[in-house]
Amino acid sequence: VDGAPVALEWEVPNRNQCKGCHDRAGEITPIGPTARNLNRDLAYETGASNQLSAWVRTGLLDHAPADAPRVPVAYDSTTGAAAARARAYLDVNCAHCHNPVGPAHTSGLDLSWAQQDPVRWGVLKRPVAAGRASAGFAFSIEPGHPERSILLHRMESTDPGVMMPELGRQRADPRAVALMREWIAGMDADGRARD
């Protein structure tokens, strides 16, 4: 954390557990950042350069899309408002499952960057299943009330029966939690960012 080593015990998931996140319409696929997440300028030894262009030059990629969109950096407030940064975070960290063809499609959430309907992000959306993972809260995201939002509750938890993602983490990400808290607190009653 903040450059300091963190001791973690890691359990290697089995194939069925891997499929819990890596399934895309029945096929096991890689997950992770997309061109829109990598399309940014970074400081290299040779000077500032676009990350995608630098990766093509060094052979890490054979090509990059000419028209790659660019999303804000979740933890850099100079790259966008909290709402856009929160959506960018959810896109790269959660949307591989929470999309219409992902393994969490039954949740009704679509956390992909392209989704523009706040209800599909979870705003005033009731959970499809209750139980302790919902903490008794009524909505995935209750605008203006991060303390009553299931999404934030699950991101903060380290209880295996509550936390999201269900596998692959042992700690809550305090920066992500703070960003989601800021985003949800700043929403109007319809789930849009207040001006």
N, C-alpha and C. Protein backbone atom coordinates (compact mmCIF):
# COMPACT_ATOMS: atom_id res chain seq x y z
N VAL A 1 0.85 -1.17 0.00
CA VAL A 1 0.00 0.00 0.00
C VAL A 1 0.89 1.23 0.00
N ASP A 2 0.64 2.14 -0.90
CA ASP A 2 1.44 3.35 -1.04
C ASP A 2 2.93 3.02 -1.18
N GLY A 3 3.24 1.97 -1.93
CA GLY A 3 4.63 1.59 -2.19
C GLY A 3 5.23 0.67 -1.15
N ALA A 4 4.52 0.41 -0.05
CA ALA A 4 5.04 -0.48 0.99
C ALA A 4 4.60 -1.91 0.69
N PRO A 5 5.46 -2.88 0.99
CA PRO A 5 5.07 -4.29 0.76
C PRO A 5 3.87 -4.68 1.62
N VAL A 6 3.04 -5.55 1.09
CA VAL A 6 1.87 -6.07 1.79
C VAL A 6 1.92 -7.59 1.71
N ALA A 7 1.85 -8.26 2.83
CA ALA A 7 1.86 -9.72 2.85
C ALA A 7 0.45 -10.25 2.61
N LEU A 8 0.31 -11.11 1.63
CA LEU A 8 -0.98 -11.72 1.32
C LEU A 8 -0.77 -13.21 1.08
N GLU A 9 -1.75 -14.01 1.47
CA GLU A 9 -1.74 -15.42 1.12
C GLU A 9 -2.64 -15.58 -0.09
N TRP A 10 -2.16 -16.29 -1.09
CA TRP A 10 -2.92 -16.41 -2.33
C TRP A 10 -3.31 -17.85 -2.54
N GLU A 11 -4.58 -18.10 -2.82
CA GLU A 11 -5.07 -19.42 -3.17
C GLU A 11 -5.33 -19.43 -4.67
N VAL A 12 -4.75 -20.39 -5.35
CA VAL A 12 -4.94 -20.48 -6.79
C VAL A 12 -6.32 -21.08 -7.05
N PRO A 13 -7.18 -20.35 -7.76
CA PRO A 13 -8.53 -20.85 -8.02
C PRO A 13 -8.50 -22.05 -8.97
N ASN A 14 -9.51 -22.90 -8.85
CA ASN A 14 -9.63 -24.00 -9.81
C ASN A 14 -10.35 -23.50 -11.06
N ARG A 15 -10.44 -24.35 -12.07
CA ARG A 15 -11.01 -23.94 -13.36
C ARG A 15 -12.44 -23.40 -13.22
N ASN A 16 -13.25 -24.06 -12.41
CA ASN A 16 -14.62 -23.58 -12.23
C ASN A 16 -14.65 -22.22 -11.55
N GLN A 17 -13.76 -21.99 -10.59
CA GLN A 17 -13.70 -20.69 -9.94
C GLN A 17 -13.22 -19.62 -10.93
N CYS A 18 -12.26 -19.96 -11.77
CA CYS A 18 -11.77 -19.01 -12.78
C CYS A 18 -12.91 -18.59 -13.69
N LYS A 19 -13.73 -19.57 -14.06
CA LYS A 19 -14.85 -19.30 -14.96
C LYS A 19 -15.83 -18.31 -14.34
N GLY A 20 -15.83 -18.22 -12.99
CA GLY A 20 -16.72 -17.29 -12.32
C GLY A 20 -16.52 -15.85 -12.74
N CYS A 21 -15.32 -15.49 -13.21
CA CYS A 21 -15.05 -14.14 -13.70
C CYS A 21 -14.70 -14.12 -15.18
N HIS A 22 -14.03 -15.15 -15.64
CA HIS A 22 -13.49 -15.15 -17.00
C HIS A 22 -14.45 -15.68 -18.06
N ASP A 23 -15.68 -15.97 -17.70
CA ASP A 23 -16.65 -16.48 -18.66
C ASP A 23 -17.26 -15.33 -19.46
N ARG A 24 -17.27 -15.47 -20.75
CA ARG A 24 -17.90 -14.48 -21.63
C ARG A 24 -18.75 -15.26 -22.62
N ALA A 25 -20.04 -15.29 -22.39
CA ALA A 25 -20.97 -16.01 -23.26
C ALA A 25 -20.56 -17.47 -23.42
N GLY A 26 -20.11 -18.10 -22.33
CA GLY A 26 -19.77 -19.51 -22.35
C GLY A 26 -18.33 -19.84 -22.66
N GLU A 27 -17.51 -18.86 -23.00
CA GLU A 27 -16.10 -19.08 -23.31
C GLU A 27 -15.23 -18.44 -22.23
N ILE A 28 -14.17 -19.14 -21.82
CA ILE A 28 -13.22 -18.55 -20.88
C ILE A 28 -12.33 -17.59 -21.67
N THR A 29 -12.32 -16.33 -21.22
CA THR A 29 -11.57 -15.29 -21.93
C THR A 29 -10.72 -14.49 -20.95
N PRO A 30 -9.66 -13.86 -21.46
CA PRO A 30 -8.86 -12.99 -20.59
C PRO A 30 -9.68 -11.78 -20.17
N ILE A 31 -9.36 -11.24 -19.00
CA ILE A 31 -10.00 -10.01 -18.53
C ILE A 31 -8.90 -9.02 -18.17
N GLY A 32 -9.25 -7.77 -18.13
CA GLY A 32 -8.28 -6.77 -17.75
C GLY A 32 -8.50 -5.48 -18.51
N PRO A 33 -7.48 -4.62 -18.50
CA PRO A 33 -7.64 -3.32 -19.14
C PRO A 33 -7.83 -3.43 -20.65
N THR A 34 -8.53 -2.47 -21.18
CA THR A 34 -8.75 -2.38 -22.62
C THR A 34 -7.99 -1.17 -23.16
N ALA A 35 -8.05 -0.98 -24.45
CA ALA A 35 -7.35 0.15 -25.06
C ALA A 35 -7.79 1.47 -24.42
N ARG A 36 -9.07 1.60 -24.08
CA ARG A 36 -9.54 2.87 -23.49
C ARG A 36 -8.89 3.12 -22.14
N ASN A 37 -8.55 2.05 -21.40
CA ASN A 37 -7.89 2.22 -20.10
C ASN A 37 -6.41 2.51 -20.25
N LEU A 38 -5.81 2.07 -21.35
CA LEU A 38 -4.37 2.22 -21.56
C LEU A 38 -4.02 3.43 -22.42
N ASN A 39 -5.02 4.09 -22.97
CA ASN A 39 -4.80 5.22 -23.86
C ASN A 39 -4.55 6.49 -23.04
N ARG A 40 -3.31 6.61 -22.56
CA ARG A 40 -2.93 7.78 -21.75
C ARG A 40 -1.45 8.03 -21.89
N ASP A 41 -1.06 9.24 -21.57
CA ASP A 41 0.35 9.60 -21.63
C ASP A 41 1.03 9.24 -20.32
N LEU A 42 2.20 8.62 -20.44
CA LEU A 42 3.00 8.26 -19.27
C LEU A 42 4.42 8.76 -19.46
N ALA A 43 5.12 8.92 -18.36
CA ALA A 43 6.52 9.34 -18.41
C ALA A 43 7.40 8.09 -18.59
N TYR A 44 8.17 8.07 -19.65
CA TYR A 44 9.13 6.99 -19.91
C TYR A 44 10.53 7.58 -19.84
N GLU A 45 11.55 6.73 -19.84
CA GLU A 45 12.94 7.21 -19.80
C GLU A 45 13.23 8.14 -20.97
N THR A 46 12.59 7.89 -22.10
CA THR A 46 12.80 8.70 -23.30
C THR A 46 11.90 9.93 -23.35
N GLY A 47 11.04 10.10 -22.32
CA GLY A 47 10.12 11.24 -22.27
C GLY A 47 8.68 10.76 -22.25
N ALA A 48 7.78 11.72 -22.20
CA ALA A 48 6.35 11.39 -22.16
C ALA A 48 5.92 10.81 -23.50
N SER A 49 5.06 9.78 -23.41
CA SER A 49 4.55 9.14 -24.61
C SER A 49 3.23 8.47 -24.30
N ASN A 50 2.41 8.33 -25.31
CA ASN A 50 1.17 7.60 -25.17
C ASN A 50 1.50 6.13 -24.88
N GLN A 51 0.86 5.56 -23.88
CA GLN A 51 1.15 4.19 -23.46
C GLN A 51 0.93 3.19 -24.59
N LEU A 52 -0.15 3.31 -25.33
CA LEU A 52 -0.40 2.37 -26.42
C LEU A 52 0.68 2.48 -27.50
N SER A 53 1.03 3.70 -27.85
CA SER A 53 2.08 3.91 -28.86
C SER A 53 3.41 3.35 -28.38
N ALA A 54 3.74 3.58 -27.11
CA ALA A 54 4.99 3.05 -26.55
C ALA A 54 5.00 1.54 -26.58
N TRP A 55 3.88 0.91 -26.27
CA TRP A 55 3.82 -0.55 -26.28
C TRP A 55 3.96 -1.11 -27.68
N VAL A 56 3.45 -0.40 -28.67
CA VAL A 56 3.64 -0.84 -30.06
C VAL A 56 5.12 -0.72 -30.44
N ARG A 57 5.74 0.41 -30.09
CA ARG A 57 7.17 0.61 -30.40
C ARG A 57 8.06 -0.46 -29.78
N THR A 58 7.73 -0.88 -28.55
CA THR A 58 8.58 -1.86 -27.86
C THR A 58 8.19 -3.30 -28.17
N GLY A 59 7.14 -3.50 -28.95
CA GLY A 59 6.74 -4.85 -29.34
C GLY A 59 5.78 -5.55 -28.37
N LEU A 60 5.35 -4.86 -27.32
CA LEU A 60 4.37 -5.46 -26.42
C LEU A 60 3.02 -5.64 -27.10
N LEU A 61 2.71 -4.77 -28.04
CA LEU A 61 1.52 -4.88 -28.88
C LEU A 61 1.95 -4.85 -30.33
N ASP A 62 1.25 -5.58 -31.19
CA ASP A 62 1.59 -5.51 -32.62
C ASP A 62 0.92 -4.31 -33.29
N HIS A 63 -0.16 -3.81 -32.70
CA HIS A 63 -0.81 -2.59 -33.20
C HIS A 63 -1.75 -2.06 -32.12
N ALA A 64 -2.17 -0.85 -32.27
CA ALA A 64 -3.13 -0.23 -31.36
C ALA A 64 -4.24 0.38 -32.19
N PRO A 65 -5.45 0.41 -31.67
CA PRO A 65 -6.54 1.03 -32.43
C PRO A 65 -6.24 2.51 -32.67
N ALA A 66 -6.49 2.94 -33.88
CA ALA A 66 -6.22 4.34 -34.23
C ALA A 66 -7.18 5.29 -33.52
N ASP A 67 -8.36 4.79 -33.20
CA ASP A 67 -9.38 5.66 -32.61
C ASP A 67 -9.76 5.22 -31.20
N ALA A 68 -8.81 4.73 -30.43
CA ALA A 68 -9.11 4.25 -29.08
C ALA A 68 -9.67 5.38 -28.23
N PRO A 69 -10.79 5.14 -27.58
CA PRO A 69 -11.30 6.15 -26.66
C PRO A 69 -10.38 6.26 -25.45
N ARG A 70 -10.59 7.27 -24.68
CA ARG A 70 -9.77 7.51 -23.49
C ARG A 70 -10.72 7.72 -22.32
N VAL A 71 -10.48 7.02 -21.23
CA VAL A 71 -11.29 7.21 -20.02
C VAL A 71 -10.42 7.83 -18.94
N PRO A 72 -11.03 8.45 -17.96
CA PRO A 72 -10.25 9.04 -16.87
C PRO A 72 -9.50 7.97 -16.07
N VAL A 73 -8.47 8.40 -15.38
CA VAL A 73 -7.73 7.53 -14.47
C VAL A 73 -8.47 7.59 -13.13
N ALA A 74 -8.90 6.45 -12.63
CA ALA A 74 -9.75 6.40 -11.45
C ALA A 74 -9.20 7.19 -10.27
N TYR A 75 -7.90 7.11 -10.04
CA TYR A 75 -7.34 7.71 -8.84
C TYR A 75 -6.67 9.06 -9.08
N ASP A 76 -6.91 9.65 -10.25
CA ASP A 76 -6.30 10.94 -10.57
C ASP A 76 -7.40 11.95 -10.84
N SER A 77 -7.68 12.81 -9.87
CA SER A 77 -8.79 13.76 -9.99
C SER A 77 -8.58 14.79 -11.10
N THR A 78 -7.35 14.92 -11.61
CA THR A 78 -7.12 15.87 -12.70
C THR A 78 -7.61 15.33 -14.04
N THR A 79 -7.97 14.04 -14.10
CA THR A 79 -8.38 13.44 -15.38
C THR A 79 -9.89 13.41 -15.57
N GLY A 80 -10.65 13.79 -14.54
CA GLY A 80 -12.09 13.81 -14.70
C GLY A 80 -12.81 13.95 -13.38
N ALA A 81 -14.10 14.17 -13.47
CA ALA A 81 -14.95 14.29 -12.28
C ALA A 81 -15.09 12.93 -11.62
N ALA A 82 -15.52 12.93 -10.37
CA ALA A 82 -15.65 11.68 -9.61
C ALA A 82 -16.57 10.69 -10.32
N ALA A 83 -17.65 11.16 -10.91
CA ALA A 83 -18.58 10.26 -11.60
C ALA A 83 -17.89 9.52 -12.74
N ALA A 84 -17.14 10.24 -13.57
CA ALA A 84 -16.45 9.60 -14.70
C ALA A 84 -15.35 8.68 -14.22
N ARG A 85 -14.63 9.07 -13.18
CA ARG A 85 -13.56 8.22 -12.66
C ARG A 85 -14.11 6.96 -12.02
N ALA A 86 -15.25 7.09 -11.31
CA ALA A 86 -15.89 5.91 -10.71
C ALA A 86 -16.37 4.96 -11.80
N ARG A 87 -16.96 5.49 -12.84
CA ARG A 87 -17.43 4.65 -13.94
C ARG A 87 -16.25 3.96 -14.63
N ALA A 88 -15.13 4.67 -14.78
CA ALA A 88 -13.93 4.06 -15.38
C ALA A 88 -13.41 2.92 -14.49
N TYR A 89 -13.43 3.13 -13.17
CA TYR A 89 -13.01 2.07 -12.24
C TYR A 89 -13.90 0.84 -12.39
N LEU A 90 -15.22 1.05 -12.37
CA LEU A 90 -16.16 -0.06 -12.48
C LEU A 90 -15.99 -0.79 -13.82
N ASP A 91 -15.73 -0.04 -14.87
CA ASP A 91 -15.54 -0.64 -16.19
C ASP A 91 -14.37 -1.62 -16.20
N VAL A 92 -13.23 -1.23 -15.69
CA VAL A 92 -12.04 -2.08 -15.77
C VAL A 92 -12.02 -3.16 -14.69
N ASN A 93 -12.67 -2.91 -13.55
CA ASN A 93 -12.59 -3.86 -12.44
C ASN A 93 -13.82 -4.74 -12.26
N CYS A 94 -14.96 -4.34 -12.80
CA CYS A 94 -16.20 -5.05 -12.51
C CYS A 94 -17.00 -5.46 -13.75
N ALA A 95 -16.85 -4.72 -14.83
CA ALA A 95 -17.70 -4.94 -16.00
C ALA A 95 -17.41 -6.24 -16.75
N HIS A 96 -16.27 -6.85 -16.52
CA HIS A 96 -16.02 -8.14 -17.19
C HIS A 96 -17.03 -9.19 -16.71
N CYS A 97 -17.56 -9.05 -15.50
CA CYS A 97 -18.62 -9.93 -15.00
C CYS A 97 -19.99 -9.27 -15.15
N HIS A 98 -20.07 -8.01 -14.76
CA HIS A 98 -21.36 -7.31 -14.73
C HIS A 98 -21.63 -6.64 -16.07
N ASN A 99 -22.07 -7.46 -17.02
CA ASN A 99 -22.47 -7.03 -18.35
C ASN A 99 -23.49 -8.04 -18.87
N PRO A 100 -24.20 -7.74 -19.95
CA PRO A 100 -25.27 -8.64 -20.40
C PRO A 100 -24.84 -10.06 -20.77
N VAL A 101 -23.57 -10.30 -21.07
CA VAL A 101 -23.12 -11.67 -21.42
C VAL A 101 -22.07 -12.20 -20.45
N GLY A 102 -21.83 -11.48 -19.37
CA GLY A 102 -20.83 -11.90 -18.39
C GLY A 102 -21.42 -12.84 -17.35
N PRO A 103 -20.56 -13.42 -16.52
CA PRO A 103 -21.03 -14.37 -15.53
C PRO A 103 -21.99 -13.79 -14.50
N ALA A 104 -22.01 -12.48 -14.30
CA ALA A 104 -22.93 -11.86 -13.34
C ALA A 104 -24.10 -11.18 -14.04
N HIS A 105 -24.42 -11.63 -15.25
CA HIS A 105 -25.51 -10.99 -16.01
C HIS A 105 -26.85 -11.09 -15.27
N THR A 106 -27.02 -12.12 -14.44
CA THR A 106 -28.29 -12.26 -13.73
C THR A 106 -28.49 -11.18 -12.66
N SER A 107 -27.43 -10.45 -12.31
CA SER A 107 -27.57 -9.36 -11.34
C SER A 107 -28.35 -8.19 -11.93
N GLY A 108 -28.40 -8.12 -13.25
CA GLY A 108 -29.05 -7.00 -13.91
C GLY A 108 -28.18 -5.76 -13.99
N LEU A 109 -26.95 -5.84 -13.46
CA LEU A 109 -26.04 -4.70 -13.54
C LEU A 109 -25.23 -4.77 -14.82
N ASP A 110 -25.00 -3.63 -15.42
CA ASP A 110 -24.09 -3.51 -16.55
C ASP A 110 -23.17 -2.34 -16.21
N LEU A 111 -21.98 -2.66 -15.74
CA LEU A 111 -21.05 -1.65 -15.27
C LEU A 111 -20.05 -1.23 -16.33
N SER A 112 -20.33 -1.56 -17.58
CA SER A 112 -19.43 -1.20 -18.67
C SER A 112 -19.50 0.30 -18.96
N TRP A 113 -18.40 0.81 -19.47
CA TRP A 113 -18.26 2.24 -19.76
C TRP A 113 -19.34 2.72 -20.72
N ALA A 114 -19.73 1.89 -21.68
CA ALA A 114 -20.70 2.30 -22.70
C ALA A 114 -22.12 2.41 -22.15
N GLN A 115 -22.41 1.75 -21.05
CA GLN A 115 -23.76 1.77 -20.49
C GLN A 115 -24.09 3.18 -19.96
N GLN A 116 -25.19 3.74 -20.42
CA GLN A 116 -25.56 5.10 -20.02
C GLN A 116 -26.79 5.16 -19.12
N ASP A 117 -27.45 4.03 -18.88
CA ASP A 117 -28.65 4.00 -18.05
C ASP A 117 -28.24 3.83 -16.58
N PRO A 118 -28.44 4.85 -15.74
CA PRO A 118 -28.03 4.75 -14.34
C PRO A 118 -28.62 3.54 -13.59
N VAL A 119 -29.82 3.12 -13.95
CA VAL A 119 -30.41 1.95 -13.29
C VAL A 119 -29.54 0.71 -13.56
N ARG A 120 -28.98 0.60 -14.75
CA ARG A 120 -28.12 -0.55 -15.08
C ARG A 120 -26.80 -0.48 -14.32
N TRP A 121 -26.40 0.72 -13.86
CA TRP A 121 -25.21 0.85 -12.99
C TRP A 121 -25.56 0.44 -11.57
N GLY A 122 -26.89 0.40 -11.26
CA GLY A 122 -27.34 0.05 -9.92
C GLY A 122 -28.08 1.16 -9.21
N VAL A 123 -28.23 2.32 -9.85
CA VAL A 123 -28.89 3.46 -9.21
C VAL A 123 -30.38 3.16 -9.03
N LEU A 124 -30.80 3.15 -7.77
CA LEU A 124 -32.18 2.84 -7.40
C LEU A 124 -32.64 1.49 -7.93
N LYS A 125 -31.69 0.58 -8.10
CA LYS A 125 -31.99 -0.78 -8.57
C LYS A 125 -32.00 -1.71 -7.37
N ARG A 126 -33.09 -2.40 -7.23
CA ARG A 126 -33.20 -3.37 -6.14
C ARG A 126 -32.40 -4.62 -6.49
N PRO A 127 -31.82 -5.28 -5.49
CA PRO A 127 -31.04 -6.48 -5.77
C PRO A 127 -31.94 -7.62 -6.24
N VAL A 128 -31.42 -8.52 -7.07
CA VAL A 128 -32.20 -9.67 -7.53
C VAL A 128 -32.26 -10.74 -6.45
N ALA A 129 -31.33 -10.72 -5.53
CA ALA A 129 -31.34 -11.66 -4.40
C ALA A 129 -31.00 -10.88 -3.14
N ALA A 130 -31.68 -11.19 -2.08
CA ALA A 130 -31.39 -10.51 -0.82
C ALA A 130 -30.40 -11.36 -0.04
N GLY A 131 -30.37 -11.18 1.23
CA GLY A 131 -29.44 -11.93 2.05
C GLY A 131 -28.43 -10.99 2.67
N ARG A 132 -27.48 -11.58 3.37
CA ARG A 132 -26.55 -10.75 4.11
C ARG A 132 -25.64 -9.91 3.21
N ALA A 133 -25.45 -10.32 1.96
CA ALA A 133 -24.63 -9.51 1.05
C ALA A 133 -25.27 -8.16 0.78
N SER A 134 -26.59 -8.06 0.93
CA SER A 134 -27.27 -6.78 0.71
C SER A 134 -27.26 -5.91 1.97
N ALA A 135 -26.89 -6.47 3.11
CA ALA A 135 -26.86 -5.75 4.40
C ALA A 135 -28.22 -5.15 4.76
N GLY A 136 -29.28 -5.64 4.11
CA GLY A 136 -30.61 -5.10 4.37
C GLY A 136 -30.89 -3.81 3.64
N PHE A 137 -29.97 -3.36 2.78
CA PHE A 137 -30.16 -2.12 2.03
C PHE A 137 -31.11 -2.38 0.86
N ALA A 138 -31.81 -1.36 0.42
CA ALA A 138 -32.83 -1.50 -0.62
C ALA A 138 -32.29 -1.43 -2.04
N PHE A 139 -31.15 -0.72 -2.24
CA PHE A 139 -30.69 -0.46 -3.60
C PHE A 139 -29.19 -0.75 -3.75
N SER A 140 -28.82 -1.14 -4.95
CA SER A 140 -27.39 -1.31 -5.25
C SER A 140 -26.67 0.01 -5.02
N ILE A 141 -27.26 1.09 -5.52
CA ILE A 141 -26.75 2.45 -5.27
C ILE A 141 -27.94 3.32 -4.89
N GLU A 142 -27.89 3.88 -3.69
CA GLU A 142 -28.90 4.84 -3.27
C GLU A 142 -28.29 6.22 -3.40
N PRO A 143 -28.74 7.01 -4.39
CA PRO A 143 -28.14 8.33 -4.63
C PRO A 143 -28.06 9.18 -3.38
N GLY A 144 -26.88 9.76 -3.15
CA GLY A 144 -26.65 10.62 -2.00
C GLY A 144 -26.38 9.86 -0.71
N HIS A 145 -26.45 8.54 -0.76
CA HIS A 145 -26.31 7.74 0.46
C HIS A 145 -25.37 6.55 0.26
N PRO A 146 -24.08 6.80 0.22
CA PRO A 146 -23.15 5.67 0.09
C PRO A 146 -23.27 4.69 1.25
N GLU A 147 -23.62 5.18 2.43
CA GLU A 147 -23.72 4.32 3.61
C GLU A 147 -24.89 3.34 3.53
N ARG A 148 -25.79 3.53 2.55
CA ARG A 148 -26.93 2.62 2.36
C ARG A 148 -26.90 1.98 0.98
N SER A 149 -25.74 1.91 0.36
CA SER A 149 -25.60 1.37 -1.00
C SER A 149 -24.92 0.00 -0.97
N ILE A 150 -25.59 -0.99 -1.55
CA ILE A 150 -25.07 -2.36 -1.56
C ILE A 150 -23.73 -2.42 -2.28
N LEU A 151 -23.58 -1.72 -3.38
CA LEU A 151 -22.32 -1.74 -4.14
C LEU A 151 -21.14 -1.39 -3.24
N LEU A 152 -21.26 -0.33 -2.49
CA LEU A 152 -20.17 0.10 -1.61
C LEU A 152 -19.99 -0.89 -0.46
N HIS A 153 -21.07 -1.37 0.10
CA HIS A 153 -21.00 -2.36 1.18
C HIS A 153 -20.19 -3.59 0.72
N ARG A 154 -20.44 -4.06 -0.47
CA ARG A 154 -19.75 -5.26 -0.97
C ARG A 154 -18.30 -4.96 -1.32
N MET A 155 -18.02 -3.75 -1.78
CA MET A 155 -16.62 -3.38 -2.07
C MET A 155 -15.81 -3.25 -0.79
N GLU A 156 -16.44 -2.78 0.29
CA GLU A 156 -15.75 -2.58 1.57
C GLU A 156 -15.52 -3.88 2.33
N SER A 157 -16.37 -4.86 2.11
CA SER A 157 -16.33 -6.09 2.90
C SER A 157 -15.16 -7.00 2.50
N THR A 158 -14.66 -7.74 3.48
CA THR A 158 -13.69 -8.81 3.21
C THR A 158 -14.29 -10.16 3.62
N ASP A 159 -15.57 -10.18 3.93
CA ASP A 159 -16.28 -11.42 4.24
C ASP A 159 -16.53 -12.17 2.93
N PRO A 160 -16.04 -13.41 2.79
CA PRO A 160 -16.19 -14.14 1.52
C PRO A 160 -17.64 -14.28 1.04
N GLY A 161 -18.61 -14.24 1.94
CA GLY A 161 -20.00 -14.35 1.54
C GLY A 161 -20.63 -13.03 1.15
N VAL A 162 -19.88 -11.94 1.24
CA VAL A 162 -20.41 -10.61 0.97
C VAL A 162 -19.59 -9.89 -0.09
N MET A 163 -18.28 -9.99 -0.03
CA MET A 163 -17.39 -9.13 -0.82
C MET A 163 -17.52 -9.32 -2.33
N MET A 164 -17.21 -8.26 -3.00
CA MET A 164 -17.09 -8.26 -4.46
C MET A 164 -15.73 -7.67 -4.77
N PRO A 165 -14.98 -8.27 -5.68
CA PRO A 165 -15.28 -9.56 -6.29
C PRO A 165 -15.18 -10.68 -5.26
N GLU A 166 -15.83 -11.80 -5.58
CA GLU A 166 -15.89 -12.92 -4.65
C GLU A 166 -14.55 -13.62 -4.49
N LEU A 167 -13.73 -13.60 -5.52
CA LEU A 167 -12.41 -14.23 -5.51
C LEU A 167 -11.36 -13.21 -5.91
N GLY A 168 -10.13 -13.51 -5.57
CA GLY A 168 -9.02 -12.71 -6.08
C GLY A 168 -8.68 -11.49 -5.25
N ARG A 169 -9.26 -11.36 -4.07
CA ARG A 169 -8.83 -10.26 -3.20
C ARG A 169 -9.02 -10.66 -1.75
N GLN A 170 -8.20 -10.06 -0.91
CA GLN A 170 -8.29 -10.30 0.53
C GLN A 170 -8.52 -9.01 1.30
N ARG A 171 -8.33 -7.89 0.63
CA ARG A 171 -8.44 -6.59 1.27
C ARG A 171 -9.37 -5.71 0.44
N ALA A 172 -9.94 -4.74 1.10
CA ALA A 172 -10.69 -3.72 0.37
C ALA A 172 -9.68 -2.69 -0.14
N ASP A 173 -9.96 -2.10 -1.27
CA ASP A 173 -9.11 -1.06 -1.84
C ASP A 173 -9.61 0.28 -1.29
N PRO A 174 -8.89 0.88 -0.35
CA PRO A 174 -9.40 2.12 0.27
C PRO A 174 -9.57 3.26 -0.73
N ARG A 175 -8.74 3.32 -1.77
CA ARG A 175 -8.90 4.39 -2.77
C ARG A 175 -10.17 4.18 -3.57
N ALA A 176 -10.47 2.93 -3.93
CA ALA A 176 -11.70 2.64 -4.69
C ALA A 176 -12.92 2.92 -3.83
N VAL A 177 -12.87 2.52 -2.58
CA VAL A 177 -13.98 2.77 -1.66
C VAL A 177 -14.21 4.28 -1.52
N ALA A 178 -13.16 5.05 -1.35
CA ALA A 178 -13.29 6.50 -1.22
C ALA A 178 -13.88 7.11 -2.49
N LEU A 179 -13.44 6.63 -3.65
CA LEU A 179 -13.96 7.14 -4.92
C LEU A 179 -15.45 6.83 -5.07
N MET A 180 -15.86 5.60 -4.78
CA MET A 180 -17.28 5.24 -4.88
C MET A 180 -18.11 6.04 -3.89
N ARG A 181 -17.58 6.23 -2.69
CA ARG A 181 -18.28 7.02 -1.66
C ARG A 181 -18.50 8.45 -2.18
N GLU A 182 -17.46 9.05 -2.75
CA GLU A 182 -17.56 10.41 -3.28
C GLU A 182 -18.59 10.48 -4.40
N TRP A 183 -18.54 9.50 -5.32
CA TRP A 183 -19.46 9.47 -6.46
C TRP A 183 -20.91 9.36 -6.00
N ILE A 184 -21.17 8.38 -5.15
CA ILE A 184 -22.55 8.15 -4.71
C ILE A 184 -23.06 9.33 -3.87
N ALA A 185 -22.22 9.87 -3.00
CA ALA A 185 -22.62 11.02 -2.18
C ALA A 185 -22.95 12.22 -3.04
N GLY A 186 -22.30 12.36 -4.19
CA GLY A 186 -22.50 13.51 -5.07
C GLY A 186 -23.63 13.35 -6.06
N MET A 187 -24.41 12.27 -5.97
CA MET A 187 -25.51 12.05 -6.92
C MET A 187 -26.78 12.78 -6.48
N ASP A 188 -27.52 13.26 -7.48
CA ASP A 188 -28.86 13.77 -7.19
C ASP A 188 -29.82 12.60 -7.08
N ALA A 189 -31.09 12.86 -6.85
CA ALA A 189 -32.07 11.80 -6.63
C ALA A 189 -32.22 10.85 -7.81
N ASP A 190 -31.87 11.31 -9.01
CA ASP A 190 -31.96 10.46 -10.20
C ASP A 190 -30.67 9.72 -10.51
N GLY A 191 -29.65 9.93 -9.70
CA GLY A 191 -28.39 9.23 -9.92
C GLY A 191 -27.42 9.97 -10.82
N ARG A 192 -27.72 11.18 -11.17
CA ARG A 192 -26.81 12.00 -11.98
C ARG A 192 -25.93 12.83 -11.06
N ALA A 193 -24.75 13.17 -11.53
CA ALA A 193 -23.84 14.00 -10.73
C ALA A 193 -24.46 15.38 -10.54
N ARG A 194 -24.40 15.86 -9.30
CA ARG A 194 -24.86 17.22 -9.03
C ARG A 194 -23.85 18.20 -9.61
N ASP A 195 -24.32 19.30 -10.11
CA ASP A 195 -23.41 20.32 -10.65
C ASP A 195 -22.89 21.22 -9.55
